[in-house]
Amino acid sequence: NRTQNDIFVDLLTVSDIQNKTMLAVSAG
């Protein structure tokens, strides 16, 4: 985020990520 001015990454800690990411993809 510091070394460029085009993109800003927001990091969020998510438990059980393999299942929650799949659910999020399914839900759009």
PDB file of all heavy atoms in Angstrom:
ATOM      1  N   ASN A   1       0.821  -1.215   0.000  1.00  0.00           N
ATOM      2  CA  ASN A   1       0.000   0.000   0.000  1.00  0.00           C
ATOM      3  C   ASN A   1       0.855   1.264   0.000  1.00  0.00           C
ATOM      4  O   ASN A   1       0.467   2.288  -0.574  1.00  0.00           O
ATOM      5  CB  ASN A   1      -0.922   0.009   1.223  1.00  0.00           C
ATOM      6  CG  ASN A   1      -2.060  -0.999   1.112  1.00  0.00           C
ATOM      7  OD1 ASN A   1      -2.405  -1.444   0.015  1.00  0.00           O
ATOM      8  ND2 ASN A   1      -2.646  -1.367   2.243  1.00  0.00           N
ATOM      9  N   ARG A   2       2.025   1.182   0.613  1.00  0.00           N
ATOM     10  CA  ARG A   2       2.895   2.359   0.731  1.00  0.00           C
ATOM     11  C   ARG A   2       3.655   2.664  -0.551  1.00  0.00           C
ATOM     12  O   ARG A   2       3.932   3.826  -0.867  1.00  0.00           O
ATOM     13  CB  ARG A   2       3.897   2.138   1.872  1.00  0.00           C
ATOM     14  CG  ARG A   2       4.788   3.334   2.187  1.00  0.00           C
ATOM     15  CD  ARG A   2       5.829   2.981   3.235  1.00  0.00           C
ATOM     16  NE  ARG A   2       6.772   1.991   2.755  1.00  0.00           N
ATOM     17  CZ  ARG A   2       7.831   2.278   1.992  1.00  0.00           C
ATOM     18  NH1 ARG A   2       8.046   3.536   1.608  1.00  0.00           N
ATOM     19  NH2 ARG A   2       8.643   1.323   1.600  1.00  0.00           N
ATOM     20  N   THR A   3       3.997   1.606  -1.303  1.00  0.00           N
ATOM     21  CA  THR A   3       4.917   1.783  -2.430  1.00  0.00           C
ATOM     22  C   THR A   3       4.236   2.048  -3.767  1.00  0.00           C
ATOM     23  O   THR A   3       4.910   2.115  -4.794  1.00  0.00           O
ATOM     24  CB  THR A   3       5.833   0.554  -2.557  1.00  0.00           C
ATOM     25  OG1 THR A   3       5.036  -0.635  -2.635  1.00  0.00           O
ATOM     26  CG2 THR A   3       6.766   0.452  -1.355  1.00  0.00           C
ATOM     27  N   GLN A   4       2.914   2.156  -3.792  1.00  0.00           N
ATOM     28  CA  GLN A   4       2.228   2.526  -5.036  1.00  0.00           C
ATOM     29  C   GLN A   4       0.940   3.257  -4.676  1.00  0.00           C
ATOM     30  O   GLN A   4       0.477   3.199  -3.526  1.00  0.00           O
ATOM     31  CB  GLN A   4       1.964   1.294  -5.932  1.00  0.00           C
ATOM     32  CG  GLN A   4       1.361   0.100  -5.234  1.00  0.00           C
ATOM     33  CD  GLN A   4      -0.109   0.249  -4.933  1.00  0.00           C
ATOM     34  OE1 GLN A   4      -0.882   0.640  -5.801  1.00  0.00           O
ATOM     35  NE2 GLN A   4      -0.536  -0.043  -3.712  1.00  0.00           N
ATOM     36  N   ASN A   5       0.372   3.946  -5.652  1.00  0.00           N
ATOM     37  CA  ASN A   5      -0.769   4.832  -5.399  1.00  0.00           C
ATOM     38  C   ASN A   5      -2.039   4.445  -6.135  1.00  0.00           C
ATOM     39  O   ASN A   5      -2.992   5.230  -6.185  1.00  0.00           O
ATOM     40  CB  ASN A   5      -0.391   6.278  -5.775  1.00  0.00           C
ATOM     41  CG  ASN A   5       0.751   6.809  -4.940  1.00  0.00           C
ATOM     42  OD1 ASN A   5       0.748   6.668  -3.715  1.00  0.00           O
ATOM     43  ND2 ASN A   5       1.737   7.421  -5.592  1.00  0.00           N
ATOM     44  N   ASP A   6      -2.060   3.253  -6.718  1.00  0.00           N
ATOM     45  CA  ASP A   6      -3.216   2.854  -7.521  1.00  0.00           C
ATOM     46  C   ASP A   6      -4.163   1.904  -6.796  1.00  0.00           C
ATOM     47  O   ASP A   6      -5.368   1.878  -7.079  1.00  0.00           O
ATOM     48  CB  ASP A   6      -2.743   2.193  -8.815  1.00  0.00           C
ATOM     49  CG  ASP A   6      -1.892   3.121  -9.665  1.00  0.00           C
ATOM     50  OD1 ASP A   6      -2.259   4.312  -9.759  1.00  0.00           O
ATOM     51  OD2 ASP A   6      -0.873   2.669 -10.204  1.00  0.00           O
ATOM     52  N   ILE A   7      -3.627   1.059  -5.893  1.00  0.00           N
ATOM     53  CA  ILE A   7      -4.411  -0.009  -5.270  1.00  0.00           C
ATOM     54  C   ILE A   7      -4.242   0.068  -3.761  1.00  0.00           C
ATOM     55  O   ILE A   7      -3.141   0.332  -3.255  1.00  0.00           O
ATOM     56  CB  ILE A   7      -3.941  -1.396  -5.775  1.00  0.00           C
ATOM     57  CG1 ILE A   7      -4.027  -1.471  -7.310  1.00  0.00           C
ATOM     58  CG2 ILE A   7      -4.765  -2.516  -5.141  1.00  0.00           C
ATOM     59  CD1 ILE A   7      -3.267  -2.633  -7.896  1.00  0.00           C
ATOM     60  N   PHE A   8      -5.325  -0.193  -3.047  1.00  0.00           N
ATOM     61  CA  PHE A   8      -5.267  -0.258  -1.580  1.00  0.00           C
ATOM     62  C   PHE A   8      -5.817  -1.606  -1.142  1.00  0.00           C
ATOM     63  O   PHE A   8      -6.969  -1.943  -1.440  1.00  0.00           O
ATOM     64  CB  PHE A   8      -6.072   0.874  -0.950  1.00  0.00           C
ATOM     65  CG  PHE A   8      -5.930   0.941   0.535  1.00  0.00           C
ATOM     66  CD1 PHE A   8      -4.905   1.661   1.119  1.00  0.00           C
ATOM     67  CD2 PHE A   8      -6.846   0.290   1.366  1.00  0.00           C
ATOM     68  CE1 PHE A   8      -4.773   1.730   2.498  1.00  0.00           C
ATOM     69  CE2 PHE A   8      -6.729   0.352   2.742  1.00  0.00           C
ATOM     70  CZ  PHE A   8      -5.685   1.074   3.309  1.00  0.00           C
ATOM     71  N   VAL A   9      -4.994  -2.384  -0.447  1.00  0.00           N
ATOM     72  CA  VAL A   9      -5.391  -3.708   0.017  1.00  0.00           C
ATOM     73  C   VAL A   9      -5.883  -3.616   1.456  1.00  0.00           C
ATOM     74  O   VAL A   9      -5.191  -3.078   2.330  1.00  0.00           O
ATOM     75  CB  VAL A   9      -4.219  -4.703  -0.063  1.00  0.00           C
ATOM     76  CG1 VAL A   9      -4.626  -6.064   0.509  1.00  0.00           C
ATOM     77  CG2 VAL A   9      -3.740  -4.855  -1.501  1.00  0.00           C
ATOM     78  N   ASP A  10      -7.074  -4.143   1.698  1.00  0.00           N
ATOM     79  CA  ASP A  10      -7.632  -4.205   3.049  1.00  0.00           C
ATOM     80  C   ASP A  10      -7.577  -5.657   3.505  1.00  0.00           C
ATOM     81  O   ASP A  10      -8.252  -6.522   2.939  1.00  0.00           O
ATOM     82  CB  ASP A  10      -9.075  -3.699   3.053  1.00  0.00           C
ATOM     83  CG  ASP A  10      -9.699  -3.781   4.435  1.00  0.00           C
ATOM     84  OD1 ASP A  10      -8.972  -3.572   5.416  1.00  0.00           O
ATOM     85  OD2 ASP A  10     -10.903  -4.041   4.509  1.00  0.00           O
ATOM     86  N   LEU A  11      -6.774  -5.924   4.525  1.00  0.00           N
ATOM     87  CA  LEU A  11      -6.576  -7.284   5.028  1.00  0.00           C
ATOM     88  C   LEU A  11      -7.556  -7.580   6.154  1.00  0.00           C
ATOM     89  O   LEU A  11      -7.636  -6.839   7.136  1.00  0.00           O
ATOM     90  CB  LEU A  11      -5.138  -7.431   5.535  1.00  0.00           C
ATOM     91  CG  LEU A  11      -4.772  -8.727   6.256  1.00  0.00           C
ATOM     92  CD1 LEU A  11      -4.974  -9.935   5.345  1.00  0.00           C
ATOM     93  CD2 LEU A  11      -3.332  -8.660   6.754  1.00  0.00           C
ATOM     94  N   LEU A  12      -8.300  -8.682   6.008  1.00  0.00           N
ATOM     95  CA  LEU A  12      -9.256  -9.106   7.022  1.00  0.00           C
ATOM     96  C   LEU A  12      -8.936 -10.536   7.440  1.00  0.00           C
ATOM     97  O   LEU A  12      -8.803 -11.426   6.599  1.00  0.00           O
ATOM     98  CB  LEU A  12     -10.682  -9.050   6.476  1.00  0.00           C
ATOM     99  CG  LEU A  12     -11.796  -9.564   7.406  1.00  0.00           C
ATOM    100  CD1 LEU A  12     -11.925  -8.652   8.634  1.00  0.00           C
ATOM    101  CD2 LEU A  12     -13.124  -9.643   6.659  1.00  0.00           C
ATOM    102  N   THR A  13      -8.785 -10.765   8.743  1.00  0.00           N
ATOM    103  CA  THR A  13      -8.546 -12.113   9.256  1.00  0.00           C
ATOM    104  C   THR A  13      -9.864 -12.874   9.310  1.00  0.00           C
ATOM    105  O   THR A  13     -10.843 -12.403   9.883  1.00  0.00           O
ATOM    106  CB  THR A  13      -7.927 -12.066  10.658  1.00  0.00           C
ATOM    107  OG1 THR A  13      -6.690 -11.345  10.599  1.00  0.00           O
ATOM    108  CG2 THR A  13      -7.672 -13.460  11.190  1.00  0.00           C
ATOM    109  N   VAL A  14      -9.869 -14.076   8.710  1.00  0.00           N
ATOM    110  CA  VAL A  14     -11.085 -14.890   8.612  1.00  0.00           C
ATOM    111  C   VAL A  14     -10.766 -16.309   9.056  1.00  0.00           C
ATOM    112  O   VAL A  14      -9.880 -16.958   8.488  1.00  0.00           O
ATOM    113  CB  VAL A  14     -11.628 -14.902   7.171  1.00  0.00           C
ATOM    114  CG1 VAL A  14     -12.842 -15.822   7.054  1.00  0.00           C
ATOM    115  CG2 VAL A  14     -11.989 -13.489   6.720  1.00  0.00           C
ATOM    116  N   SER A  15     -11.450 -16.800  10.063  1.00  0.00           N
ATOM    117  CA  SER A  15     -11.266 -18.187  10.493  1.00  0.00           C
ATOM    118  C   SER A  15     -12.002 -19.124   9.540  1.00  0.00           C
ATOM    119  O   SER A  15     -12.906 -18.706   8.811  1.00  0.00           O
ATOM    120  CB  SER A  15     -11.791 -18.359  11.921  1.00  0.00           C
ATOM    121  OG  SER A  15     -13.179 -18.096  11.974  1.00  0.00           O
ATOM    122  N   ASP A  16     -11.606 -20.424   9.564  1.00  0.00           N
ATOM    123  CA  ASP A  16     -12.258 -21.427   8.704  1.00  0.00           C
ATOM    124  C   ASP A  16     -12.334 -20.917   7.267  1.00  0.00           C
ATOM    125  O   ASP A  16     -13.363 -21.032   6.590  1.00  0.00           O
ATOM    126  CB  ASP A  16     -13.657 -21.738   9.244  1.00  0.00           C
ATOM    127  CG  ASP A  16     -14.291 -22.959   8.580  1.00  0.00           C
ATOM    128  OD1 ASP A  16     -13.536 -23.834   8.104  1.00  0.00           O
ATOM    129  OD2 ASP A  16     -15.532 -23.027   8.537  1.00  0.00           O
ATOM    130  N   ILE A  17     -11.224 -20.389   6.807  1.00  0.00           N
ATOM    131  CA  ILE A  17     -11.247 -19.635   5.547  1.00  0.00           C
ATOM    132  C   ILE A  17     -11.597 -20.489   4.345  1.00  0.00           C
ATOM    133  O   ILE A  17     -12.243 -20.013   3.403  1.00  0.00           O
ATOM    134  CB  ILE A  17      -9.901 -18.915   5.340  1.00  0.00           C
ATOM    135  CG1 ILE A  17     -10.051 -17.846   4.257  1.00  0.00           C
ATOM    136  CG2 ILE A  17      -8.787 -19.908   5.028  1.00  0.00           C
ATOM    137  CD1 ILE A  17      -8.892 -16.876   4.186  1.00  0.00           C
ATOM    138  N   GLN A  18     -11.195 -21.767   4.347  1.00  0.00           N
ATOM    139  CA  GLN A  18     -11.465 -22.587   3.167  1.00  0.00           C
ATOM    140  C   GLN A  18     -12.956 -22.788   2.948  1.00  0.00           C
ATOM    141  O   GLN A  18     -13.420 -22.871   1.807  1.00  0.00           O
ATOM    142  CB  GLN A  18     -10.738 -23.940   3.263  1.00  0.00           C
ATOM    143  CG  GLN A  18     -11.185 -24.848   4.393  1.00  0.00           C
ATOM    144  CD  GLN A  18     -10.424 -24.611   5.670  1.00  0.00           C
ATOM    145  OE1 GLN A  18     -10.036 -23.498   5.994  1.00  0.00           O
ATOM    146  NE2 GLN A  18     -10.190 -25.693   6.413  1.00  0.00           N
ATOM    147  N   ASN A  19     -13.736 -22.852   4.028  1.00  0.00           N
ATOM    148  CA  ASN A  19     -15.184 -23.023   3.886  1.00  0.00           C
ATOM    149  C   ASN A  19     -15.895 -21.691   3.666  1.00  0.00           C
ATOM    150  O   ASN A  19     -16.804 -21.597   2.838  1.00  0.00           O
ATOM    151  CB  ASN A  19     -15.742 -23.729   5.121  1.00  0.00           C
ATOM    152  CG  ASN A  19     -15.285 -25.170   5.218  1.00  0.00           C
ATOM    153  OD1 ASN A  19     -15.208 -25.871   4.209  1.00  0.00           O
ATOM    154  ND2 ASN A  19     -14.963 -25.618   6.417  1.00  0.00           N
ATOM    155  N   LYS A  20     -15.483 -20.660   4.392  1.00  0.00           N
ATOM    156  CA  LYS A  20     -16.156 -19.367   4.249  1.00  0.00           C
ATOM    157  C   LYS A  20     -15.898 -18.738   2.889  1.00  0.00           C
ATOM    158  O   LYS A  20     -16.775 -18.070   2.324  1.00  0.00           O
ATOM    159  CB  LYS A  20     -15.721 -18.438   5.372  1.00  0.00           C
ATOM    160  CG  LYS A  20     -16.297 -18.836   6.717  1.00  0.00           C
ATOM    161  CD  LYS A  20     -15.823 -17.932   7.838  1.00  0.00           C
ATOM    162  CE  LYS A  20     -16.409 -18.389   9.178  1.00  0.00           C
ATOM    163  NZ  LYS A  20     -15.852 -17.606  10.317  1.00  0.00           N
ATOM    164  N   THR A  21     -14.708 -18.954   2.337  1.00  0.00           N
ATOM    165  CA  THR A  21     -14.443 -18.424   1.004  1.00  0.00           C
ATOM    166  C   THR A  21     -15.308 -19.127  -0.041  1.00  0.00           C
ATOM    167  O   THR A  21     -15.868 -18.479  -0.939  1.00  0.00           O
ATOM    168  CB  THR A  21     -12.955 -18.565   0.644  1.00  0.00           C
ATOM    169  OG1 THR A  21     -12.161 -17.874   1.614  1.00  0.00           O
ATOM    170  CG2 THR A  21     -12.667 -17.993  -0.732  1.00  0.00           C
ATOM    171  N   MET A  22     -15.457 -20.446   0.097  1.00  0.00           N
ATOM    172  CA  MET A  22     -16.306 -21.173  -0.838  1.00  0.00           C
ATOM    173  C   MET A  22     -17.756 -20.703  -0.736  1.00  0.00           C
ATOM    174  O   MET A  22     -18.442 -20.512  -1.751  1.00  0.00           O
ATOM    175  CB  MET A  22     -16.219 -22.680  -0.563  1.00  0.00           C
ATOM    176  CG  MET A  22     -17.012 -23.536  -1.539  1.00  0.00           C
ATOM    177  SD  MET A  22     -16.315 -23.542  -3.218  1.00  0.00           S
ATOM    178  CE  MET A  22     -15.085 -24.850  -3.053  1.00  0.00           C
ATOM    179  N   LEU A  23     -18.226 -20.483   0.473  1.00  0.00           N
ATOM    180  CA  LEU A  23     -19.588 -19.985   0.655  1.00  0.00           C
ATOM    181  C   LEU A  23     -19.742 -18.595   0.037  1.00  0.00           C
ATOM    182  O   LEU A  23     -20.763 -18.289  -0.587  1.00  0.00           O
ATOM    183  CB  LEU A  23     -19.931 -19.939   2.141  1.00  0.00           C
ATOM    184  CG  LEU A  23     -20.189 -21.290   2.830  1.00  0.00           C
ATOM    185  CD1 LEU A  23     -20.242 -21.110   4.340  1.00  0.00           C
ATOM    186  CD2 LEU A  23     -21.474 -21.920   2.321  1.00  0.00           C
ATOM    187  N   ALA A  24     -18.731 -17.754   0.224  1.00  0.00           N
ATOM    188  CA  ALA A  24     -18.800 -16.401  -0.326  1.00  0.00           C
ATOM    189  C   ALA A  24     -18.831 -16.420  -1.850  1.00  0.00           C
ATOM    190  O   ALA A  24     -19.547 -15.637  -2.483  1.00  0.00           O
ATOM    191  CB  ALA A  24     -17.604 -15.582   0.165  1.00  0.00           C
ATOM    192  N   VAL A  25     -18.062 -17.320  -2.448  1.00  0.00           N
ATOM    193  CA  VAL A  25     -18.084 -17.450  -3.911  1.00  0.00           C
ATOM    194  C   VAL A  25     -19.465 -17.904  -4.363  1.00  0.00           C
ATOM    195  O   VAL A  25     -20.036 -17.370  -5.320  1.00  0.00           O
ATOM    196  CB  VAL A  25     -17.000 -18.447  -4.382  1.00  0.00           C
ATOM    197  CG1 VAL A  25     -17.146 -18.730  -5.875  1.00  0.00           C
ATOM    198  CG2 VAL A  25     -15.604 -17.907  -4.086  1.00  0.00           C
ATOM    199  N   SER A  26     -20.027 -18.895  -3.678  1.00  0.00           N
ATOM    200  CA  SER A  26     -21.348 -19.402  -4.034  1.00  0.00           C
ATOM    201  C   SER A  26     -22.412 -18.324  -3.926  1.00  0.00           C
ATOM    202  O   SER A  26     -23.346 -18.269  -4.733  1.00  0.00           O
ATOM    203  CB  SER A  26     -21.704 -20.580  -3.119  1.00  0.00           C
ATOM    204  OG  SER A  26     -22.970 -21.100  -3.437  1.00  0.00           O
ATOM    205  N   ALA A  27     -22.262 -17.442  -2.920  1.00  0.00           N
ATOM    206  CA  ALA A  27     -23.245 -16.386  -2.697  1.00  0.00           C
ATOM    207  C   ALA A  27     -23.001 -15.168  -3.570  1.00  0.00           C
ATOM    208  O   ALA A  27     -23.801 -14.229  -3.573  1.00  0.00           O
ATOM    209  CB  ALA A  27     -23.230 -15.972  -1.230  1.00  0.00           C
ATOM    210  N   GLY A  28     -21.876 -15.147  -4.316  1.00  0.00           N
ATOM    211  CA  GLY A  28     -21.585 -14.031  -5.200  1.00  0.00           C
ATOM    212  C   GLY A  28     -20.984 -12.823  -4.512  1.00  0.00           C
ATOM    213  O   GLY A  28     -21.015 -11.718  -5.061  1.00  0.00           O
TER     214      GLY A  28
END
